[in-house]
Amino acid sequence: MRVVIQRSLQAKVKIDNDIVGSIDYGLVVLVGFTHNDNSKKIDEMVNKIINLRIFDDENKVMNKSLLDVNGQVLSVSQFTLYANTDKGRRPSYIEALNNNEATKLYDEFNKKLANYVKVETGIFGSDMQVELINDGPVTIIIDK
């Protein structure tokens, strides 16, 4: 499981110019799954995301978590996080989990996140446009 998290002042995801998910403040989470991912890894990732201290405190030090700031999550599935560019010019996506299994894990991931924070999503497998104001900018990659 791989995520790219971006601290965001606001963000939205659109499909065919229709907004399908939006947040005011929190994290944009791009999430991809690979073959050995499971519920345990999802639990670990959710725990990491909600408790990662990457939001500013009153002294402008990154010392607060998503929970501390009552932040929200815009979760967007992205199989291209598992692109392999070692050979040639066309990335290989063989390490990305197939759609059926990845959809199940993505839904589980979002449900577990929603136990702690408001979660908005894109639509799995759709051609989406993501707009965000990256705060900082702060962008972090996490592998489990």
C-alpha atoms as a PDB file:
ATOM      1  CA  MET A   1       0.000   0.000   0.000  1.00  0.00           C
ATOM      2  CA  ARG A   2       1.351   3.371  -0.976  1.00  0.00           C
ATOM      3  CA  VAL A   3      -0.044   6.810  -0.273  1.00  0.00           C
ATOM      4  CA  VAL A   4       0.964  10.311  -1.177  1.00  0.00           C
ATOM      5  CA  ILE A   5      -0.451  12.791   1.305  1.00  0.00           C
ATOM      6  CA  GLN A   6      -0.617  16.507   0.696  1.00  0.00           C
ATOM      7  CA  ARG A   7      -1.565  18.994   3.370  1.00  0.00           C
ATOM      8  CA  SER A   8      -4.281  21.092   1.815  1.00  0.00           C
ATOM      9  CA  LEU A   9      -6.179  24.302   2.542  1.00  0.00           C
ATOM     10  CA  GLN A  10      -8.946  23.111   0.234  1.00  0.00           C
ATOM     11  CA  ALA A  11      -9.335  20.475  -2.431  1.00  0.00           C
ATOM     12  CA  LYS A  12     -11.864  18.932  -4.757  1.00  0.00           C
ATOM     13  CA  VAL A  13     -12.136  16.148  -7.275  1.00  0.00           C
ATOM     14  CA  LYS A  14     -14.210  16.512 -10.425  1.00  0.00           C
ATOM     15  CA  ILE A  15     -15.504  14.100 -13.037  1.00  0.00           C
ATOM     16  CA  ASP A  16     -16.847  15.643 -16.251  1.00  0.00           C
ATOM     17  CA  ASN A  17     -16.818  19.064 -14.535  1.00  0.00           C
ATOM     18  CA  ASP A  18     -19.029  17.801 -11.679  1.00  0.00           C
ATOM     19  CA  ILE A  19     -17.562  18.013  -8.176  1.00  0.00           C
ATOM     20  CA  VAL A  20     -17.855  14.549  -6.618  1.00  0.00           C
ATOM     21  CA  GLY A  21     -15.822  15.222  -3.470  1.00  0.00           C
ATOM     22  CA  SER A  22     -14.372  18.249  -1.692  1.00  0.00           C
ATOM     23  CA  ILE A  23     -12.752  19.270   1.591  1.00  0.00           C
ATOM     24  CA  ASP A  24     -12.041  22.591   3.222  1.00  0.00           C
ATOM     25  CA  TYR A  25      -8.919  21.754   5.248  1.00  0.00           C
ATOM     26  CA  GLY A  26      -6.913  18.604   5.796  1.00  0.00           C
ATOM     27  CA  LEU A  27      -5.218  16.067   3.571  1.00  0.00           C
ATOM     28  CA  VAL A  28      -5.474  14.955  -0.012  1.00  0.00           C
ATOM     29  CA  VAL A  29      -4.599  11.260   0.060  1.00  0.00           C
ATOM     30  CA  LEU A  30      -3.665   9.566  -3.189  1.00  0.00           C
ATOM     31  CA  VAL A  31      -3.791   5.825  -2.504  1.00  0.00           C
ATOM     32  CA  GLY A  32      -2.629   2.793  -4.448  1.00  0.00           C
ATOM     33  CA  PHE A  33      -2.673  -0.910  -3.634  1.00  0.00           C
ATOM     34  CA  THR A  34      -0.385  -3.793  -4.530  1.00  0.00           C
ATOM     35  CA  HIS A  35      -0.642  -7.586  -4.366  1.00  0.00           C
ATOM     36  CA  ASN A  36       0.161  -8.270  -0.715  1.00  0.00           C
ATOM     37  CA  ASP A  37      -2.039  -5.526   0.789  1.00  0.00           C
ATOM     38  CA  ASN A  38      -4.612  -6.482   3.405  1.00  0.00           C
ATOM     39  CA  SER A  39      -6.764  -5.204   6.285  1.00  0.00           C
ATOM     40  CA  LYS A  40      -3.838  -5.111   8.696  1.00  0.00           C
ATOM     41  CA  LYS A  41      -1.878  -2.799   6.394  1.00  0.00           C
ATOM     42  CA  ILE A  42      -4.937  -0.601   5.979  1.00  0.00           C
ATOM     43  CA  ASP A  43      -5.275  -0.325   9.770  1.00  0.00           C
ATOM     44  CA  GLU A  44      -1.607   0.659  10.070  1.00  0.00           C
ATOM     45  CA  MET A  45      -1.908   3.228   7.285  1.00  0.00           C
ATOM     46  CA  VAL A  46      -5.069   4.778   8.711  1.00  0.00           C
ATOM     47  CA  ASN A  47      -3.392   5.055  12.116  1.00  0.00           C
ATOM     48  CA  LYS A  48      -0.335   6.685  10.536  1.00  0.00           C
ATOM     49  CA  ILE A  49      -2.371   9.180   8.502  1.00  0.00           C
ATOM     50  CA  ILE A  50      -4.646  10.383  11.294  1.00  0.00           C
ATOM     51  CA  ASN A  51      -1.801  10.726  13.820  1.00  0.00           C
ATOM     52  CA  LEU A  52       1.021  12.067  11.627  1.00  0.00           C
ATOM     53  CA  ARG A  53       2.049  15.410  13.110  1.00  0.00           C
ATOM     54  CA  ILE A  54       2.315  17.592  10.005  1.00  0.00           C
ATOM     55  CA  PHE A  55       0.010  20.497  10.887  1.00  0.00           C
ATOM     56  CA  ASP A  56       1.279  23.695  12.472  1.00  0.00           C
ATOM     57  CA  ASP A  57       0.796  24.448  16.140  1.00  0.00           C
ATOM     58  CA  GLU A  58       0.526  27.976  17.575  1.00  0.00           C
ATOM     59  CA  ASN A  59       4.321  28.366  17.152  1.00  0.00           C
ATOM     60  CA  LYS A  60       4.236  27.395  13.448  1.00  0.00           C
ATOM     61  CA  VAL A  61       5.898  24.060  14.237  1.00  0.00           C
ATOM     62  CA  MET A  62       4.514  20.914  12.561  1.00  0.00           C
ATOM     63  CA  ASN A  63       3.336  19.347  15.799  1.00  0.00           C
ATOM     64  CA  LYS A  64      -0.377  18.641  15.311  1.00  0.00           C
ATOM     65  CA  SER A  65      -2.159  15.722  13.688  1.00  0.00           C
ATOM     66  CA  LEU A  66      -5.183  15.560  11.427  1.00  0.00           C
ATOM     67  CA  LEU A  67      -7.228  14.693  14.519  1.00  0.00           C
ATOM     68  CA  ASP A  68      -5.834  17.678  16.462  1.00  0.00           C
ATOM     69  CA  VAL A  69      -6.888  20.157  13.771  1.00  0.00           C
ATOM     70  CA  ASN A  70     -10.240  18.498  12.973  1.00  0.00           C
ATOM     71  CA  GLY A  71      -9.060  18.066   9.398  1.00  0.00           C
ATOM     72  CA  GLN A  72     -10.774  16.230   6.578  1.00  0.00           C
ATOM     73  CA  VAL A  73      -9.532  13.766   3.963  1.00  0.00           C
ATOM     74  CA  LEU A  74     -10.044  13.788   0.212  1.00  0.00           C
ATOM     75  CA  SER A  75      -9.177  10.222  -0.787  1.00  0.00           C
ATOM     76  CA  VAL A  76      -8.394   9.506  -4.428  1.00  0.00           C
ATOM     77  CA  SER A  77      -7.518   6.066  -5.803  1.00  0.00           C
ATOM     78  CA  GLN A  78      -4.404   6.076  -7.959  1.00  0.00           C
ATOM     79  CA  PHE A  79      -2.980   2.852  -9.354  1.00  0.00           C
ATOM     80  CA  THR A  80      -0.172   4.817 -11.042  1.00  0.00           C
ATOM     81  CA  LEU A  81       1.572   5.058  -7.652  1.00  0.00           C
ATOM     82  CA  TYR A  82       2.836   1.571  -8.490  1.00  0.00           C
ATOM     83  CA  ALA A  83       4.314   2.531 -11.862  1.00  0.00           C
ATOM     84  CA  ASN A  84       7.634   0.858 -12.581  1.00  0.00           C
ATOM     85  CA  THR A  85       9.832   2.977 -14.842  1.00  0.00           C
ATOM     86  CA  ASP A  86      13.009   0.882 -14.651  1.00  0.00           C
ATOM     87  CA  LYS A  87      12.872  -0.267 -18.289  1.00  0.00           C
ATOM     88  CA  GLY A  88      11.912   1.632 -21.388  1.00  0.00           C
ATOM     89  CA  ARG A  89       9.742   4.703 -21.603  1.00  0.00           C
ATOM     90  CA  ARG A  90       6.330   3.228 -20.908  1.00  0.00           C
ATOM     91  CA  PRO A  91       5.668   2.548 -17.219  1.00  0.00           C
ATOM     92  CA  SER A  92       4.637  -0.950 -16.192  1.00  0.00           C
ATOM     93  CA  TYR A  93       1.735  -1.254 -13.752  1.00  0.00           C
ATOM     94  CA  ILE A  94       2.142  -4.959 -13.012  1.00  0.00           C
ATOM     95  CA  GLU A  95       2.673  -4.196  -9.302  1.00  0.00           C
ATOM     96  CA  ALA A  96      -0.704  -2.421  -9.047  1.00  0.00           C
ATOM     97  CA  LEU A  97      -3.504  -4.584  -7.683  1.00  0.00           C
ATOM     98  CA  ASN A  98      -6.290  -5.578 -10.088  1.00  0.00           C
ATOM     99  CA  ASN A  99      -9.433  -3.422 -10.099  1.00  0.00           C
ATOM    100  CA  ASN A 100     -11.743  -5.858  -8.290  1.00  0.00           C
ATOM    101  CA  GLU A 101      -9.433  -6.397  -5.319  1.00  0.00           C
ATOM    102  CA  ALA A 102      -8.213  -2.792  -5.221  1.00  0.00           C
ATOM    103  CA  THR A 103     -11.804  -1.495  -5.132  1.00  0.00           C
ATOM    104  CA  LYS A 104     -12.539  -3.605  -2.049  1.00  0.00           C
ATOM    105  CA  LEU A 105      -9.417  -2.381  -0.258  1.00  0.00           C
ATOM    106  CA  TYR A 106     -10.075   1.233  -1.254  1.00  0.00           C
ATOM    107  CA  ASP A 107     -13.611   1.049   0.156  1.00  0.00           C
ATOM    108  CA  GLU A 108     -12.314  -0.534   3.368  1.00  0.00           C
ATOM    109  CA  PHE A 109      -9.602   2.129   3.670  1.00  0.00           C
ATOM    110  CA  ASN A 110     -12.137   4.958   3.324  1.00  0.00           C
ATOM    111  CA  LYS A 111     -14.593   3.401   5.780  1.00  0.00           C
ATOM    112  CA  LYS A 112     -11.864   3.003   8.388  1.00  0.00           C
ATOM    113  CA  LEU A 113     -10.667   6.592   7.898  1.00  0.00           C
ATOM    114  CA  ALA A 114     -14.269   7.778   8.248  1.00  0.00           C
ATOM    115  CA  ASN A 115     -14.338   6.364  11.781  1.00  0.00           C
ATOM    116  CA  TYR A 116     -12.038   9.272  12.727  1.00  0.00           C
ATOM    117  CA  VAL A 117     -12.478  12.131  10.241  1.00  0.00           C
ATOM    118  CA  LYS A 118     -14.762  13.328   7.466  1.00  0.00           C
ATOM    119  CA  VAL A 119     -13.799  11.576   4.234  1.00  0.00           C
ATOM    120  CA  GLU A 120     -14.693  12.627   0.709  1.00  0.00           C
ATOM    121  CA  THR A 121     -13.653  10.541  -2.299  1.00  0.00           C
ATOM    122  CA  GLY A 122     -13.336  10.413  -6.002  1.00  0.00           C
ATOM    123  CA  ILE A 123     -14.881   7.520  -7.918  1.00  0.00           C
ATOM    124  CA  PHE A 124     -12.657   4.477  -8.282  1.00  0.00           C
ATOM    125  CA  GLY A 125     -11.494   3.874 -11.845  1.00  0.00           C
ATOM    126  CA  SER A 126     -12.841   7.160 -13.189  1.00  0.00           C
ATOM    127  CA  ASP A 127     -10.975   9.846 -15.093  1.00  0.00           C
ATOM    128  CA  MET A 128     -10.745  12.508 -12.388  1.00  0.00           C
ATOM    129  CA  GLN A 129      -9.388  16.012 -12.108  1.00  0.00           C
ATOM    130  CA  VAL A 130      -8.014  16.880  -8.678  1.00  0.00           C
ATOM    131  CA  GLU A 131      -7.625  20.503  -7.627  1.00  0.00           C
ATOM    132  CA  LEU A 132      -5.930  21.493  -4.407  1.00  0.00           C
ATOM    133  CA  ILE A 133      -4.186  24.278  -2.617  1.00  0.00           C
ATOM    134  CA  ASN A 134      -1.172  22.490  -1.154  1.00  0.00           C
ATOM    135  CA  ASP A 135      -0.422  24.093   2.201  1.00  0.00           C
ATOM    136  CA  GLY A 136       3.298  24.542   2.848  1.00  0.00           C
ATOM    137  CA  PRO A 137       3.751  22.794   0.468  1.00  0.00           C
ATOM    138  CA  VAL A 138       3.792  19.605   2.504  1.00  0.00           C
ATOM    139  CA  THR A 139       3.831  16.346   0.530  1.00  0.00           C
ATOM    140  CA  ILE A 140       4.768  12.996   2.081  1.00  0.00           C
ATOM    141  CA  ILE A 141       4.982   9.479   0.617  1.00  0.00           C
ATOM    142  CA  ILE A 142       4.219   6.518   2.887  1.00  0.00           C
ATOM    143  CA  ASP A 143       4.682   2.818   2.028  1.00  0.00           C
ATOM    144  CA  LYS A 144       3.312  -0.049   4.097  1.00  0.00           C
END
